[in-house]
Structures are given as structure tokens and as C-alpha cells.
Amino acid sequence: MFDDKLIDDNVRTLFEESLAEIALLELSEKDNWQILSTLNLMHSFYREQKGKAFFRQLLRSTLDVFIYQAASMYKSAENIRESGHSLRNVEITK
């Protein structure tokens, strides 16, 4: 089970609020590359550094990077969706 203490309050709140809706994110090639690179790095640390000094810190740091990348991408998509709704609401009001 995932321990929600691994992420800070701001990101936890963002993710909890997003649970009420299904959000499919279309990743740019750059975003996709960044996510895959982070996951590959995390996997590499897990395979090659397990049991060595600072293993947990390395894994935790790359997990933080992954979580913040995902949160940033989700928040950007949410802002775009909200701005689209705002424009439609203005048009309806006119």
C-alpha cells in the first residue's frame, strides 16, 4: 500500500481532489521523455544501488521528482481545462 506521508500536503491535496474525476493527460514528447527518464533512473537505482549507502535517499529523491513531475503535468492540464470552461461561461453570459 502507498504511504501518503511520502508526499507533501499541497501535492496530496491536488491528487485527492483529482480522485473525483478521471483525467486523461496527453503528454508531449518532452513530458513523456522526462517521465520515462525518471522511472528508468529510479529503476536503475533500485537494481544497482540496493543495499548500498544512501540507497533509500536516492530512491526517495527520484520518487519526489516523479511525484512533482506528475503533479505539475496534471496541474497544467487542469489549468488549461479551467481556462476553457471560463471562456465558455463568458460566451454563455454574453
PDB file of N, CA and C in Angstrom:
ATOM      1  N   MET A   1       0.835  -1.186   0.000  1.00  0.00           N
ATOM      2  CA  MET A   1       0.000   0.000   0.000  1.00  0.00           C
ATOM      3  C   MET A   1       0.879   1.248   0.000  1.00  0.00           C
ATOM      4  N   PHE A   2       0.430   2.293  -0.678  1.00  0.00           N
ATOM      5  CA  PHE A   2       1.191   3.535  -0.798  1.00  0.00           C
ATOM      6  C   PHE A   2       1.016   4.379   0.462  1.00  0.00           C
ATOM      7  N   ASP A   3       2.100   4.848   1.018  1.00  0.00           N
ATOM      8  CA  ASP A   3       2.064   5.691   2.213  1.00  0.00           C
ATOM      9  C   ASP A   3       1.954   7.147   1.776  1.00  0.00           C
ATOM     10  N   ASP A   4       0.819   7.793   2.089  1.00  0.00           N
ATOM     11  CA  ASP A   4       0.613   9.171   1.633  1.00  0.00           C
ATOM     12  C   ASP A   4       1.510  10.176   2.352  1.00  0.00           C
ATOM     13  N   LYS A   5       2.252   9.731   3.342  1.00  0.00           N
ATOM     14  CA  LYS A   5       3.204  10.625   4.015  1.00  0.00           C
ATOM     15  C   LYS A   5       4.436  10.868   3.148  1.00  0.00           C
ATOM     16  N   LEU A   6       4.538  10.112   2.043  1.00  0.00           N
ATOM     17  CA  LEU A   6       5.681  10.280   1.145  1.00  0.00           C
ATOM     18  C   LEU A   6       5.591  11.559   0.325  1.00  0.00           C
ATOM     19  N   ILE A   7       4.418  12.172   0.275  1.00  0.00           N
ATOM     20  CA  ILE A   7       4.275  13.408  -0.497  1.00  0.00           C
ATOM     21  C   ILE A   7       3.788  14.529   0.411  1.00  0.00           C
ATOM     22  N   ASP A   8       4.116  15.759   0.046  1.00  0.00           N
ATOM     23  CA  ASP A   8       3.745  16.884   0.902  1.00  0.00           C
ATOM     24  C   ASP A   8       2.258  17.221   0.771  1.00  0.00           C
ATOM     25  N   ASP A   9       1.778  18.066   1.668  1.00  0.00           N
ATOM     26  CA  ASP A   9       0.343  18.379   1.753  1.00  0.00           C
ATOM     27  C   ASP A   9      -0.228  18.968   0.473  1.00  0.00           C
ATOM     28  N   ASN A  10       0.505  19.878  -0.172  1.00  0.00           N
ATOM     29  CA  ASN A  10      -0.005  20.518  -1.393  1.00  0.00           C
ATOM     30  C   ASN A  10      -0.259  19.511  -2.505  1.00  0.00           C
ATOM     31  N   VAL A  11       0.698  18.640  -2.725  1.00  0.00           N
ATOM     32  CA  VAL A  11       0.560  17.645  -3.784  1.00  0.00           C
ATOM     33  C   VAL A  11      -0.496  16.611  -3.390  1.00  0.00           C
ATOM     34  N   ARG A  12      -0.515  16.209  -2.125  1.00  0.00           N
ATOM     35  CA  ARG A  12      -1.517  15.253  -1.661  1.00  0.00           C
ATOM     36  C   ARG A  12      -2.919  15.804  -1.883  1.00  0.00           C
ATOM     37  N   THR A  13      -3.132  17.085  -1.550  1.00  0.00           N
ATOM     38  CA  THR A  13      -4.435  17.717  -1.756  1.00  0.00           C
ATOM     39  C   THR A  13      -4.808  17.740  -3.231  1.00  0.00           C
ATOM     40  N   LEU A  14      -3.871  18.100  -4.079  1.00  0.00           N
ATOM     41  CA  LEU A  14      -4.117  18.120  -5.525  1.00  0.00           C
ATOM     42  C   LEU A  14      -4.552  16.747  -6.016  1.00  0.00           C
ATOM     43  N   PHE A  15      -3.837  15.699  -5.597  1.00  0.00           N
ATOM     44  CA  PHE A  15      -4.175  14.347  -6.026  1.00  0.00           C
ATOM     45  C   PHE A  15      -5.516  13.888  -5.446  1.00  0.00           C
ATOM     46  N   GLU A  16      -5.775  14.215  -4.195  1.00  0.00           N
ATOM     47  CA  GLU A  16      -7.046  13.815  -3.583  1.00  0.00           C
ATOM     48  C   GLU A  16      -8.225  14.487  -4.273  1.00  0.00           C
ATOM     49  N   GLU A  17      -8.072  15.756  -4.630  1.00  0.00           N
ATOM     50  CA  GLU A  17      -9.140  16.468  -5.326  1.00  0.00           C
ATOM     51  C   GLU A  17      -9.367  15.879  -6.722  1.00  0.00           C
ATOM     52  N   SER A  18      -8.325  15.362  -7.316  1.00  0.00           N
ATOM     53  CA  SER A  18      -8.448  14.814  -8.672  1.00  0.00           C
ATOM     54  C   SER A  18      -9.096  13.430  -8.674  1.00  0.00           C
ATOM     55  N   LEU A  19      -9.219  12.795  -7.522  1.00  0.00           N
ATOM     56  CA  LEU A  19      -9.809  11.457  -7.464  1.00  0.00           C
ATOM     57  C   LEU A  19     -11.284  11.461  -7.842  1.00  0.00           C
ATOM     58  N   ALA A  20     -11.933  12.611  -7.726  1.00  0.00           N
ATOM     59  CA  ALA A  20     -13.359  12.703  -8.044  1.00  0.00           C
ATOM     60  C   ALA A  20     -13.617  12.649  -9.545  1.00  0.00           C
ATOM     61  N   GLU A  21     -12.595  12.840 -10.343  1.00  0.00           N
ATOM     62  CA  GLU A  21     -12.772  12.841 -11.790  1.00  0.00           C
ATOM     63  C   GLU A  21     -11.679  12.035 -12.462  1.00  0.00           C
ATOM     64  N   ILE A  22     -11.982  11.536 -13.608  1.00  0.00           N
ATOM     65  CA  ILE A  22     -10.981  10.822 -14.399  1.00  0.00           C
ATOM     66  C   ILE A  22     -10.343  11.838 -15.334  1.00  0.00           C
ATOM     67  N   ALA A  23      -9.049  11.954 -15.238  1.00  0.00           N
ATOM     68  CA  ALA A  23      -8.348  12.919 -16.084  1.00  0.00           C
ATOM     69  C   ALA A  23      -7.301  12.184 -16.908  1.00  0.00           C
ATOM     70  N   LEU A  24      -7.506  12.177 -18.186  1.00  0.00           N
ATOM     71  CA  LEU A  24      -6.514  11.606 -19.087  1.00  0.00           C
ATOM     72  C   LEU A  24      -5.605  12.732 -19.551  1.00  0.00           C
ATOM     73  N   LEU A  25      -4.336  12.554 -19.333  1.00  0.00           N
ATOM     74  CA  LEU A  25      -3.383  13.582 -19.716  1.00  0.00           C
ATOM     75  C   LEU A  25      -2.703  13.176 -21.014  1.00  0.00           C
ATOM     76  N   GLU A  26      -2.701  14.097 -21.940  1.00  0.00           N
ATOM     77  CA  GLU A  26      -1.966  13.863 -23.172  1.00  0.00           C
ATOM     78  C   GLU A  26      -0.584  14.473 -22.981  1.00  0.00           C
ATOM     79  N   LEU A  27       0.413  13.618 -22.941  1.00  0.00           N
ATOM     80  CA  LEU A  27       1.769  14.081 -22.683  1.00  0.00           C
ATOM     81  C   LEU A  27       2.460  14.475 -23.978  1.00  0.00           C
ATOM     82  N   SER A  28       3.191  15.572 -23.891  1.00  0.00           N
ATOM     83  CA  SER A  28       4.021  15.956 -25.027  1.00  0.00           C
ATOM     84  C   SER A  28       5.182  14.960 -25.110  1.00  0.00           C
ATOM     85  N   GLU A  29       5.882  14.984 -26.199  1.00  0.00           N
ATOM     86  CA  GLU A  29       7.038  14.108 -26.347  1.00  0.00           C
ATOM     87  C   GLU A  29       8.074  14.402 -25.260  1.00  0.00           C
ATOM     88  N   LYS A  30       8.241  15.673 -24.950  1.00  0.00           N
ATOM     89  CA  LYS A  30       9.197  16.077 -23.912  1.00  0.00           C
ATOM     90  C   LYS A  30       8.756  15.573 -22.544  1.00  0.00           C
ATOM     91  N   ASP A  31       7.463  15.740 -22.199  1.00  0.00           N
ATOM     92  CA  ASP A  31       6.947  15.257 -20.919  1.00  0.00           C
ATOM     93  C   ASP A  31       7.102  13.743 -20.813  1.00  0.00           C
ATOM     94  N   ASN A  32       6.761  13.055 -21.887  1.00  0.00           N
ATOM     95  CA  ASN A  32       6.880  11.598 -21.913  1.00  0.00           C
ATOM     96  C   ASN A  32       8.329  11.178 -21.686  1.00  0.00           C
ATOM     97  N   TRP A  33       9.246  11.834 -22.345  1.00  0.00           N
ATOM     98  CA  TRP A  33      10.667  11.523 -22.198  1.00  0.00           C
ATOM     99  C   TRP A  33      11.111  11.762 -20.758  1.00  0.00           C
ATOM    100  N   GLN A  34      10.666  12.872 -20.150  1.00  0.00           N
ATOM    101  CA  GLN A  34      11.061  13.179 -18.774  1.00  0.00           C
ATOM    102  C   GLN A  34      10.541  12.133 -17.790  1.00  0.00           C
ATOM    103  N   ILE A  35       9.270  11.754 -17.945  1.00  0.00           N
ATOM    104  CA  ILE A  35       8.696  10.738 -17.057  1.00  0.00           C
ATOM    105  C   ILE A  35       9.433   9.409 -17.214  1.00  0.00           C
ATOM    106  N   LEU A  36       9.641   8.988 -18.450  1.00  0.00           N
ATOM    107  CA  LEU A  36      10.346   7.720 -18.682  1.00  0.00           C
ATOM    108  C   LEU A  36      11.775   7.760 -18.150  1.00  0.00           C
ATOM    109  N   SER A  37      12.442   8.880 -18.318  1.00  0.00           N
ATOM    110  CA  SER A  37      13.812   9.018 -17.808  1.00  0.00           C
ATOM    111  C   SER A  37      13.844   8.901 -16.290  1.00  0.00           C
ATOM    112  N   THR A  38      12.887   9.535 -15.633  1.00  0.00           N
ATOM    113  CA  THR A  38      12.826   9.473 -14.168  1.00  0.00           C
ATOM    114  C   THR A  38      12.547   8.050 -13.699  1.00  0.00           C
ATOM    115  N   LEU A  39      11.593   7.377 -14.356  1.00  0.00           N
ATOM    116  CA  LEU A  39      11.285   5.992 -13.979  1.00  0.00           C
ATOM    117  C   LEU A  39      12.471   5.067 -14.241  1.00  0.00           C
ATOM    118  N   ASN A  40      13.170   5.272 -15.354  1.00  0.00           N
ATOM    119  CA  ASN A  40      14.362   4.469 -15.646  1.00  0.00           C
ATOM    120  C   ASN A  40      15.462   4.702 -14.623  1.00  0.00           C
ATOM    121  N   LEU A  41      15.629   5.960 -14.220  1.00  0.00           N
ATOM    122  CA  LEU A  41      16.633   6.280 -13.211  1.00  0.00           C
ATOM    123  C   LEU A  41      16.280   5.617 -11.878  1.00  0.00           C
ATOM    124  N   MET A  42      15.011   5.691 -11.506  1.00  0.00           N
ATOM    125  CA  MET A  42      14.564   5.070 -10.266  1.00  0.00           C
ATOM    126  C   MET A  42      14.792   3.551 -10.314  1.00  0.00           C
ATOM    127  N   HIS A  43      14.462   2.954 -11.437  1.00  0.00           N
ATOM    128  CA  HIS A  43      14.668   1.514 -11.597  1.00  0.00           C
ATOM    129  C   HIS A  43      16.149   1.163 -11.536  1.00  0.00           C
ATOM    130  N   SER A  44      16.970   1.977 -12.152  1.00  0.00           N
ATOM    131  CA  SER A  44      18.414   1.760 -12.131  1.00  0.00           C
ATOM    132  C   SER A  44      18.964   1.845 -10.707  1.00  0.00           C
ATOM    133  N   PHE A  45      18.542   2.853  -9.960  1.00  0.00           N
ATOM    134  CA  PHE A  45      18.974   2.968  -8.562  1.00  0.00           C
ATOM    135  C   PHE A  45      18.543   1.740  -7.771  1.00  0.00           C
ATOM    136  N   TYR A  46      17.309   1.299  -8.006  1.00  0.00           N
ATOM    137  CA  TYR A  46      16.798   0.150  -7.269  1.00  0.00           C
ATOM    138  C   TYR A  46      17.633  -1.104  -7.560  1.00  0.00           C
ATOM    139  N   ARG A  47      17.943  -1.334  -8.829  1.00  0.00           N
ATOM    140  CA  ARG A  47      18.708  -2.521  -9.217  1.00  0.00           C
ATOM    141  C   ARG A  47      20.161  -2.444  -8.776  1.00  0.00           C
ATOM    142  N   GLU A  48      20.791  -1.289  -8.993  1.00  0.00           N
ATOM    143  CA  GLU A  48      22.240  -1.200  -8.846  1.00  0.00           C
ATOM    144  C   GLU A  48      22.707  -0.680  -7.496  1.00  0.00           C
ATOM    145  N   GLN A  49      21.848   0.021  -6.772  1.00  0.00           N
ATOM    146  CA  GLN A  49      22.278   0.629  -5.520  1.00  0.00           C
ATOM    147  C   GLN A  49      21.684  -0.040  -4.279  1.00  0.00           C
ATOM    148  N   LYS A  50      20.800  -1.020  -4.492  1.00  0.00           N
ATOM    149  CA  LYS A  50      20.125  -1.678  -3.371  1.00  0.00           C
ATOM    150  C   LYS A  50      21.152  -2.194  -2.366  1.00  0.00           C
ATOM    151  N   GLY A  51      20.955  -1.797  -1.105  1.00  0.00           N
ATOM    152  CA  GLY A  51      21.852  -2.229  -0.040  1.00  0.00           C
ATOM    153  C   GLY A  51      23.066  -1.336   0.149  1.00  0.00           C
ATOM    154  N   LYS A  52      23.300  -0.405  -0.769  1.00  0.00           N
ATOM    155  CA  LYS A  52      24.462   0.477  -0.656  1.00  0.00           C
ATOM    156  C   LYS A  52      24.103   1.726   0.146  1.00  0.00           C
ATOM    157  N   ALA A  53      25.149   2.476   0.489  1.00  0.00           N
ATOM    158  CA  ALA A  53      24.953   3.718   1.246  1.00  0.00           C
ATOM    159  C   ALA A  53      24.037   4.664   0.480  1.00  0.00           C
ATOM    160  N   PHE A  54      23.139   5.286   1.185  1.00  0.00           N
ATOM    161  CA  PHE A  54      22.218   6.301   0.662  1.00  0.00           C
ATOM    162  C   PHE A  54      21.189   5.749  -0.337  1.00  0.00           C
ATOM    163  N   PHE A  55      21.005   4.430  -0.345  1.00  0.00           N
ATOM    164  CA  PHE A  55      20.037   3.823  -1.260  1.00  0.00           C
ATOM    165  C   PHE A  55      18.641   4.416  -1.074  1.00  0.00           C
ATOM    166  N   ARG A  56      18.165   4.452   0.163  1.00  0.00           N
ATOM    167  CA  ARG A  56      16.815   4.956   0.428  1.00  0.00           C
ATOM    168  C   ARG A  56      16.688   6.431   0.035  1.00  0.00           C
ATOM    169  N   GLN A  57      17.732   7.210   0.293  1.00  0.00           N
ATOM    170  CA  GLN A  57      17.700   8.624  -0.056  1.00  0.00           C
ATOM    171  C   GLN A  57      17.656   8.821  -1.576  1.00  0.00           C
ATOM    172  N   LEU A  58      18.434   8.022  -2.300  1.00  0.00           N
ATOM    173  CA  LEU A  58      18.415   8.100  -3.762  1.00  0.00           C
ATOM    174  C   LEU A  58      17.037   7.744  -4.310  1.00  0.00           C
ATOM    175  N   LEU A  59      16.481   6.665  -3.785  1.00  0.00           N
ATOM    176  CA  LEU A  59      15.163   6.237  -4.240  1.00  0.00           C
ATOM    177  C   LEU A  59      14.103   7.269  -3.878  1.00  0.00           C
ATOM    178  N   ARG A  60      14.185   7.788  -2.672  1.00  0.00           N
ATOM    179  CA  ARG A  60      13.214   8.797  -2.219  1.00  0.00           C
ATOM    180  C   ARG A  60      13.312  10.065  -3.072  1.00  0.00           C
ATOM    181  N   SER A  61      14.514  10.480  -3.388  1.00  0.00           N
ATOM    182  CA  SER A  61      14.703  11.689  -4.196  1.00  0.00           C
ATOM    183  C   SER A  61      14.127  11.527  -5.596  1.00  0.00           C
ATOM    184  N   THR A  62      14.349  10.381  -6.204  1.00  0.00           N
ATOM    185  CA  THR A  62      13.799  10.174  -7.546  1.00  0.00           C
ATOM    186  C   THR A  62      12.282   9.998  -7.489  1.00  0.00           C
ATOM    187  N   LEU A  63      11.770   9.428  -6.403  1.00  0.00           N
ATOM    188  CA  LEU A  63      10.318   9.337  -6.235  1.00  0.00           C
ATOM    189  C   LEU A  63       9.723  10.739  -6.125  1.00  0.00           C
ATOM    190  N   ASP A  64      10.386  11.626  -5.375  1.00  0.00           N
ATOM    191  CA  ASP A  64       9.928  13.022  -5.269  1.00  0.00           C
ATOM    192  C   ASP A  64       9.882  13.683  -6.642  1.00  0.00           C
ATOM    193  N   VAL A  65      10.923  13.469  -7.444  1.00  0.00           N
ATOM    194  CA  VAL A  65      10.958  14.048  -8.786  1.00  0.00           C
ATOM    195  C   VAL A  65       9.765  13.554  -9.593  1.00  0.00           C
ATOM    196  N   PHE A  66       9.515  12.249  -9.560  1.00  0.00           N
ATOM    197  CA  PHE A  66       8.402  11.674 -10.302  1.00  0.00           C
ATOM    198  C   PHE A  66       7.063  12.254  -9.841  1.00  0.00           C
ATOM    199  N   ILE A  67       6.857  12.325  -8.538  1.00  0.00           N
ATOM    200  CA  ILE A  67       5.592  12.833  -7.994  1.00  0.00           C
ATOM    201  C   ILE A  67       5.379  14.287  -8.399  1.00  0.00           C
ATOM    202  N   TYR A  68       6.409  15.108  -8.282  1.00  0.00           N
ATOM    203  CA  TYR A  68       6.264  16.518  -8.652  1.00  0.00           C
ATOM    204  C   TYR A  68       6.095  16.706 -10.159  1.00  0.00           C
ATOM    205  N   GLN A  69       6.733  15.851 -10.960  1.00  0.00           N
ATOM    206  CA  GLN A  69       6.512  15.908 -12.410  1.00  0.00           C
ATOM    207  C   GLN A  69       5.050  15.618 -12.717  1.00  0.00           C
ATOM    208  N   ALA A  70       4.525  14.547 -12.134  1.00  0.00           N
ATOM    209  CA  ALA A  70       3.134  14.168 -12.370  1.00  0.00           C
ATOM    210  C   ALA A  70       2.186  15.262 -11.890  1.00  0.00           C
ATOM    211  N   ALA A  71       2.449  15.822 -10.718  1.00  0.00           N
ATOM    212  CA  ALA A  71       1.596  16.883 -10.186  1.00  0.00           C
ATOM    213  C   ALA A  71       1.635  18.117 -11.079  1.00  0.00           C
ATOM    214  N   SER A  72       2.810  18.477 -11.546  1.00  0.00           N
ATOM    215  CA  SER A  72       2.954  19.642 -12.413  1.00  0.00           C
ATOM    216  C   SER A  72       2.212  19.445 -13.729  1.00  0.00           C
ATOM    217  N   MET A  73       2.339  18.259 -14.312  1.00  0.00           N
ATOM    218  CA  MET A  73       1.658  17.969 -15.570  1.00  0.00           C
ATOM    219  C   MET A  73       0.145  17.969 -15.381  1.00  0.00           C
ATOM    220  N   TYR A  74      -0.318  17.398 -14.276  1.00  0.00           N
ATOM    221  CA  TYR A  74      -1.752  17.374 -14.001  1.00  0.00           C
ATOM    222  C   TYR A  74      -2.282  18.794 -13.794  1.00  0.00           C
ATOM    223  N   LYS A  75      -1.559  19.596 -13.005  1.00  0.00           N
ATOM    224  CA  LYS A  75      -1.991  20.971 -12.712  1.00  0.00           C
ATOM    225  C   LYS A  75      -2.026  21.807 -13.987  1.00  0.00           C
ATOM    226  N   SER A  76      -1.047  21.640 -14.855  1.00  0.00           N
ATOM    227  CA  SER A  76      -1.043  22.376 -16.130  1.00  0.00           C
ATOM    228  C   SER A  76      -2.260  22.013 -16.967  1.00  0.00           C
ATOM    229  N   ALA A  77      -2.563  20.715 -17.041  1.00  0.00           N
ATOM    230  CA  ALA A  77      -3.730  20.266 -17.811  1.00  0.00           C
ATOM    231  C   ALA A  77      -5.018  20.785 -17.176  1.00  0.00           C
ATOM    232  N   GLU A  78      -5.074  20.787 -15.853  1.00  0.00           N
ATOM    233  CA  GLU A  78      -6.254  21.288 -15.147  1.00  0.00           C
ATOM    234  C   GLU A  78      -6.449  22.783 -15.419  1.00  0.00           C
ATOM    235  N   ASN A  79      -5.369  23.546 -15.411  1.00  0.00           N
ATOM    236  CA  ASN A  79      -5.454  24.984 -15.700  1.00  0.00           C
ATOM    237  C   ASN A  79      -5.964  25.232 -17.111  1.00  0.00           C
ATOM    238  N   ILE A  80      -5.511  24.420 -18.050  1.00  0.00           N
ATOM    239  CA  ILE A  80      -5.974  24.562 -19.432  1.00  0.00           C
ATOM    240  C   ILE A  80      -7.464  24.249 -19.517  1.00  0.00           C
ATOM    241  N   ARG A  81      -7.887  23.165 -18.853  1.00  0.00           N
ATOM    242  CA  ARG A  81      -9.318  22.814 -18.854  1.00  0.00           C
ATOM    243  C   ARG A  81     -10.160  23.919 -18.218  1.00  0.00           C
ATOM    244  N   GLU A  82      -9.691  24.460 -17.093  1.00  0.00           N
ATOM    245  CA  GLU A  82     -10.437  25.512 -16.400  1.00  0.00           C
ATOM    246  C   GLU A  82     -10.523  26.777 -17.233  1.00  0.00           C
ATOM    247  N   SER A  83      -9.451  27.124 -17.940  1.00  0.00           N
ATOM    248  CA  SER A  83      -9.492  28.331 -18.763  1.00  0.00           C
ATOM    249  C   SER A  83     -10.474  28.140 -19.913  1.00  0.00           C
ATOM    250  N   GLY A  84     -10.584  26.931 -20.430  1.00  0.00           N
ATOM    251  CA  GLY A  84     -11.555  26.635 -21.481  1.00  0.00           C
ATOM    252  C   GLY A  84     -12.976  26.787 -20.981  1.00  0.00           C
ATOM    253  N   HIS A  85     -13.237  26.337 -19.760  1.00  0.00           N
ATOM    254  CA  HIS A  85     -14.572  26.484 -19.179  1.00  0.00           C
ATOM    255  C   HIS A  85     -14.889  27.949 -18.924  1.00  0.00           C
ATOM    256  N   SER A  86     -13.910  28.683 -18.464  1.00  0.00           N
ATOM    257  CA  SER A  86     -14.126  30.099 -18.183  1.00  0.00           C
ATOM    258  C   SER A  86     -14.522  30.858 -19.452  1.00  0.00           C
ATOM    259  N   LEU A  87     -13.841  30.569 -20.554  1.00  0.00           N
ATOM    260  CA  LEU A  87     -14.166  31.244 -21.806  1.00  0.00           C
ATOM    261  C   LEU A  87     -15.584  30.902 -22.258  1.00  0.00           C
ATOM    262  N   ARG A  88     -15.986  29.634 -22.112  1.00  0.00           N
ATOM    263  CA  ARG A  88     -17.342  29.239 -22.489  1.00  0.00           C
ATOM    264  C   ARG A  88     -18.381  29.913 -21.609  1.00  0.00           C
ATOM    265  N   ASN A  89     -18.087  30.032 -20.306  1.00  0.00           N
ATOM    266  CA  ASN A  89     -19.018  30.687 -19.404  1.00  0.00           C
ATOM    267  C   ASN A  89     -19.202  32.150 -19.764  1.00  0.00           C
ATOM    268  N   VAL A  90     -18.127  32.781 -20.180  1.00  0.00           N
ATOM    269  CA  VAL A  90     -18.215  34.188 -20.593  1.00  0.00           C
ATOM    270  C   VAL A  90     -19.081  34.303 -21.845  1.00  0.00           C
ATOM    271  N   GLU A  91     -18.884  33.393 -22.799  1.00  0.00           N
ATOM    272  CA  GLU A  91     -19.676  33.427 -24.028  1.00  0.00           C
ATOM    273  C   GLU A  91     -21.148  33.175 -23.743  1.00  0.00           C
ATOM    274  N   ILE A  92     -21.458  32.264 -22.851  1.00  0.00           N
ATOM    275  CA  ILE A  92     -22.847  31.966 -22.494  1.00  0.00           C
ATOM    276  C   ILE A  92     -23.479  33.175 -21.823  1.00  0.00           C
ATOM    277  N   THR A  93     -22.711  33.851 -20.992  1.00  0.00           N
ATOM    278  CA  THR A  93     -23.220  35.020 -20.287  1.00  0.00           C
ATOM    279  C   THR A  93     -23.534  36.152 -21.255  1.00  0.00           C
ATOM    280  N   LYS A  94     -22.728  36.298 -22.312  1.00  0.00           N
ATOM    281  CA  LYS A  94     -22.962  37.355 -23.292  1.00  0.00           C
ATOM    282  C   LYS A  94     -24.264  37.088 -23.981  1.00  0.00           C
TER     283      LYS A  94
END
